[in-house]
């Protein structure tokens, strides 16, 4: 039964933390474009504005979140397999 509680706790912590991180990261761009459009339109790298650089990092962040989810899902799957094994015993 301890494994079930551990699985629930880890899953809940992961879902809440990744959701909060994602919302903050993805909602920051429209907020910054609304609050400080002059700063976001200044060139940052070459001819690209800061808004475009931030948008590119959102794509990178999406891939990073997917990779983190994949690793965490493998870990949680191991806990589920452990729970099944404990239940069978």
N, C-alpha and C. Protein backbone atom coordinates (compact mmCIF):
# COMPACT_ATOMS: atom_id res chain seq x y z
N UNK A 1 0.81 -1.19 0.00
CA UNK A 1 0.00 0.00 0.00
C UNK A 1 0.86 1.26 0.00
N UNK A 2 2.05 1.16 0.54
CA UNK A 2 2.96 2.30 0.59
C UNK A 2 3.35 2.74 -0.82
N UNK A 3 3.48 1.80 -1.72
CA UNK A 3 3.85 2.12 -3.10
C UNK A 3 2.76 2.91 -3.79
N UNK A 4 1.51 2.60 -3.50
CA UNK A 4 0.40 3.34 -4.09
C UNK A 4 0.43 4.79 -3.64
N UNK A 5 0.64 5.01 -2.37
CA UNK A 5 0.70 6.38 -1.86
C UNK A 5 1.88 7.14 -2.45
N UNK A 6 3.00 6.46 -2.58
CA UNK A 6 4.18 7.08 -3.18
C UNK A 6 3.91 7.45 -4.62
N UNK A 7 3.25 6.55 -5.36
CA UNK A 7 2.91 6.80 -6.76
C UNK A 7 1.98 8.00 -6.88
N UNK A 8 0.95 8.03 -6.05
CA UNK A 8 0.00 9.15 -6.09
C UNK A 8 0.67 10.47 -5.76
N UNK A 9 1.54 10.46 -4.76
CA UNK A 9 2.22 11.68 -4.35
C UNK A 9 3.17 12.17 -5.44
N UNK A 10 3.96 11.28 -6.01
CA UNK A 10 4.89 11.67 -7.06
C UNK A 10 4.16 12.16 -8.30
N UNK A 11 3.09 11.47 -8.66
CA UNK A 11 2.31 11.87 -9.84
C UNK A 11 1.69 13.25 -9.63
N UNK A 12 1.09 13.47 -8.47
CA UNK A 12 0.45 14.75 -8.18
C UNK A 12 1.48 15.88 -8.16
N UNK A 13 2.61 15.65 -7.52
CA UNK A 13 3.66 16.67 -7.45
C UNK A 13 4.16 17.01 -8.84
N UNK A 14 4.36 16.00 -9.66
CA UNK A 14 4.85 16.24 -11.02
C UNK A 14 3.83 17.02 -11.84
N UNK A 15 2.58 16.61 -11.80
CA UNK A 15 1.55 17.27 -12.60
C UNK A 15 1.37 18.72 -12.18
N UNK A 16 1.32 18.96 -10.88
CA UNK A 16 1.13 20.33 -10.40
C UNK A 16 2.33 21.19 -10.74
N UNK A 17 3.53 20.70 -10.50
CA UNK A 17 4.72 21.52 -10.75
C UNK A 17 4.92 21.81 -12.23
N UNK A 18 4.72 20.82 -13.10
CA UNK A 18 4.94 21.05 -14.53
C UNK A 18 3.84 21.95 -15.09
N UNK A 19 2.63 21.85 -14.55
CA UNK A 19 1.54 22.72 -15.00
C UNK A 19 1.80 24.17 -14.61
N UNK A 20 2.21 24.39 -13.39
CA UNK A 20 2.50 25.76 -12.94
C UNK A 20 3.66 26.34 -13.74
N UNK A 21 4.73 25.58 -13.90
CA UNK A 21 5.87 26.03 -14.68
C UNK A 21 5.46 26.38 -16.11
N UNK A 22 4.68 25.53 -16.73
CA UNK A 22 4.26 25.77 -18.11
C UNK A 22 3.39 27.01 -18.22
N UNK A 23 2.42 27.14 -17.34
CA UNK A 23 1.54 28.31 -17.39
C UNK A 23 2.31 29.61 -17.21
N UNK A 24 3.21 29.62 -16.26
CA UNK A 24 4.01 30.83 -16.05
C UNK A 24 4.86 31.13 -17.28
N UNK A 25 5.53 30.12 -17.80
CA UNK A 25 6.42 30.34 -18.94
C UNK A 25 5.66 30.76 -20.19
N UNK A 26 4.53 30.10 -20.49
CA UNK A 26 3.83 30.38 -21.73
C UNK A 26 2.95 31.62 -21.66
N UNK A 27 2.48 31.99 -20.49
CA UNK A 27 1.66 33.20 -20.38
C UNK A 27 2.50 34.46 -20.21
N UNK A 28 3.78 34.30 -19.97
CA UNK A 28 4.66 35.45 -19.81
C UNK A 28 4.83 36.21 -21.13
N UNK A 29 4.91 35.53 -22.25
CA UNK A 29 5.12 36.20 -23.54
C UNK A 29 3.97 37.16 -23.86
N UNK A 30 2.71 36.72 -23.85
CA UNK A 30 1.64 37.68 -24.15
C UNK A 30 1.58 38.82 -23.12
N UNK A 31 1.88 38.50 -21.88
CA UNK A 31 1.87 39.53 -20.84
C UNK A 31 2.96 40.56 -21.11
N UNK A 32 4.17 40.09 -21.42
CA UNK A 32 5.27 41.02 -21.72
C UNK A 32 4.99 41.84 -22.97
N UNK A 33 4.38 41.22 -23.98
CA UNK A 33 4.05 41.95 -25.20
C UNK A 33 2.99 43.02 -24.94
N UNK A 34 2.15 42.79 -23.95
CA UNK A 34 1.13 43.77 -23.61
C UNK A 34 1.69 44.88 -22.73
N UNK A 35 2.51 44.52 -21.76
CA UNK A 35 3.00 45.48 -20.78
C UNK A 35 4.17 46.31 -21.32
N UNK A 36 5.15 45.65 -21.92
CA UNK A 36 6.34 46.37 -22.41
C UNK A 36 6.61 46.02 -23.88
N UNK A 37 5.75 46.44 -24.80
CA UNK A 37 5.96 46.07 -26.21
C UNK A 37 7.23 46.68 -26.80
N UNK A 38 7.64 47.85 -26.31
CA UNK A 38 8.85 48.48 -26.86
C UNK A 38 10.08 47.62 -26.58
N UNK A 39 10.18 47.12 -25.38
CA UNK A 39 11.34 46.30 -25.01
C UNK A 39 11.32 44.96 -25.75
N UNK A 40 10.15 44.40 -25.95
CA UNK A 40 10.06 43.10 -26.62
C UNK A 40 10.34 43.20 -28.12
N UNK A 41 10.20 44.41 -28.69
CA UNK A 41 10.45 44.59 -30.13
C UNK A 41 11.87 45.01 -30.44
N UNK A 42 12.70 45.21 -29.43
CA UNK A 42 14.09 45.57 -29.66
C UNK A 42 14.87 44.34 -30.16
N UNK A 43 15.82 44.57 -31.06
CA UNK A 43 16.63 43.43 -31.56
C UNK A 43 17.44 42.80 -30.43
N UNK A 44 17.42 41.48 -30.37
CA UNK A 44 18.15 40.75 -29.33
C UNK A 44 19.32 39.98 -29.95
N UNK A 45 19.02 39.16 -30.93
CA UNK A 45 20.05 38.36 -31.60
C UNK A 45 19.93 38.63 -33.10
N UNK A 46 20.93 39.30 -33.63
CA UNK A 46 20.87 39.65 -35.05
C UNK A 46 19.69 40.58 -35.29
N UNK A 47 18.82 40.20 -36.21
CA UNK A 47 17.65 41.01 -36.51
C UNK A 47 16.40 40.55 -35.78
N UNK A 48 16.53 39.49 -34.99
CA UNK A 48 15.37 38.96 -34.28
C UNK A 48 15.08 39.76 -33.02
N UNK A 49 13.81 40.06 -32.83
CA UNK A 49 13.42 40.78 -31.62
C UNK A 49 13.39 39.83 -30.43
N UNK A 50 13.34 40.42 -29.26
CA UNK A 50 13.29 39.62 -28.04
C UNK A 50 12.05 38.73 -28.00
N UNK A 51 10.95 39.22 -28.57
CA UNK A 51 9.72 38.42 -28.62
C UNK A 51 9.92 37.14 -29.44
N UNK A 52 10.63 37.24 -30.57
CA UNK A 52 10.87 36.06 -31.39
C UNK A 52 11.82 35.09 -30.70
N UNK A 53 12.81 35.61 -30.00
CA UNK A 53 13.74 34.75 -29.26
C UNK A 53 12.99 34.01 -28.16
N UNK A 54 12.13 34.73 -27.45
CA UNK A 54 11.34 34.10 -26.38
C UNK A 54 10.40 33.04 -26.96
N UNK A 55 9.80 33.34 -28.12
CA UNK A 55 8.91 32.37 -28.77
C UNK A 55 9.69 31.12 -29.19
N UNK A 56 10.91 31.29 -29.66
CA UNK A 56 11.74 30.14 -30.01
C UNK A 56 12.01 29.30 -28.77
N UNK A 57 12.30 29.96 -27.64
CA UNK A 57 12.55 29.22 -26.41
C UNK A 57 11.29 28.49 -25.92
N UNK A 58 10.13 28.97 -26.31
CA UNK A 58 8.90 28.24 -25.97
C UNK A 58 8.84 26.91 -26.71
N UNK A 59 9.31 26.89 -27.94
CA UNK A 59 9.38 25.63 -28.69
C UNK A 59 10.35 24.68 -28.02
N UNK A 60 11.51 25.20 -27.65
CA UNK A 60 12.51 24.38 -26.94
C UNK A 60 11.92 23.87 -25.63
N UNK A 61 11.22 24.72 -24.92
CA UNK A 61 10.62 24.34 -23.64
C UNK A 61 9.57 23.24 -23.83
N UNK A 62 8.82 23.30 -24.91
CA UNK A 62 7.83 22.26 -25.20
C UNK A 62 8.51 20.90 -25.36
N UNK A 63 9.60 20.86 -26.10
CA UNK A 63 10.35 19.62 -26.27
C UNK A 63 10.95 19.16 -24.95
N UNK A 64 11.43 20.09 -24.16
CA UNK A 64 12.01 19.76 -22.86
C UNK A 64 10.96 19.19 -21.92
N UNK A 65 9.79 19.77 -21.90
CA UNK A 65 8.70 19.26 -21.05
C UNK A 65 8.30 17.86 -21.51
N UNK A 66 8.24 17.65 -22.82
CA UNK A 66 7.93 16.32 -23.34
C UNK A 66 8.96 15.29 -22.92
N UNK A 67 10.22 15.67 -22.97
CA UNK A 67 11.30 14.76 -22.57
C UNK A 67 11.23 14.46 -21.09
N UNK A 68 11.01 15.48 -20.26
CA UNK A 68 10.89 15.29 -18.81
C UNK A 68 9.69 14.39 -18.50
N UNK A 69 8.58 14.62 -19.21
CA UNK A 69 7.40 13.77 -19.00
C UNK A 69 7.70 12.32 -19.35
N UNK A 70 8.41 12.10 -20.43
CA UNK A 70 8.75 10.74 -20.85
C UNK A 70 9.58 10.03 -19.78
N UNK A 71 10.56 10.74 -19.22
CA UNK A 71 11.40 10.15 -18.17
C UNK A 71 10.57 9.87 -16.92
N UNK A 72 9.73 10.82 -16.52
CA UNK A 72 8.91 10.65 -15.32
C UNK A 72 7.89 9.53 -15.52
N UNK A 73 7.33 9.42 -16.72
CA UNK A 73 6.35 8.36 -16.99
C UNK A 73 7.00 6.99 -16.87
N UNK A 74 8.25 6.85 -17.33
CA UNK A 74 8.94 5.57 -17.18
C UNK A 74 9.13 5.23 -15.71
N UNK A 75 9.47 6.23 -14.91
CA UNK A 75 9.64 6.02 -13.47
C UNK A 75 8.31 5.62 -12.82
N UNK A 76 7.24 6.30 -13.17
CA UNK A 76 5.93 5.98 -12.59
C UNK A 76 5.44 4.61 -13.06
N UNK A 77 5.77 4.24 -14.29
CA UNK A 77 5.42 2.90 -14.78
C UNK A 77 6.12 1.81 -13.98
N UNK A 78 7.36 2.08 -13.57
CA UNK A 78 8.08 1.12 -12.73
C UNK A 78 7.38 0.96 -11.38
N UNK A 79 6.89 2.08 -10.83
CA UNK A 79 6.15 2.00 -9.57
C UNK A 79 4.86 1.20 -9.73
N UNK A 80 4.18 1.38 -10.86
CA UNK A 80 2.95 0.61 -11.11
C UNK A 80 3.28 -0.88 -11.22
N UNK A 81 4.37 -1.22 -11.90
CA UNK A 81 4.78 -2.62 -12.01
C UNK A 81 5.12 -3.19 -10.63
N UNK A 82 5.75 -2.36 -9.79
CA UNK A 82 6.06 -2.79 -8.43
C UNK A 82 4.79 -3.01 -7.63
N UNK A 83 3.80 -2.15 -7.81
CA UNK A 83 2.52 -2.32 -7.12
C UNK A 83 1.84 -3.62 -7.54
N UNK A 84 1.87 -3.91 -8.84
CA UNK A 84 1.26 -5.15 -9.33
C UNK A 84 1.97 -6.36 -8.77
N UNK A 85 3.29 -6.29 -8.68
CA UNK A 85 4.06 -7.39 -8.14
C UNK A 85 3.75 -7.61 -6.66
N UNK A 86 3.65 -6.51 -5.91
CA UNK A 86 3.32 -6.62 -4.50
C UNK A 86 1.92 -7.17 -4.29
N UNK A 87 1.00 -6.81 -5.17
CA UNK A 87 -0.37 -7.29 -5.05
C UNK A 87 -0.46 -8.78 -5.38
N UNK A 88 0.38 -9.23 -6.31
CA UNK A 88 0.36 -10.64 -6.70
C UNK A 88 0.95 -11.53 -5.60
N UNK A 89 1.78 -10.96 -4.76
CA UNK A 89 2.42 -11.77 -3.71
C UNK A 89 1.53 -12.03 -2.55
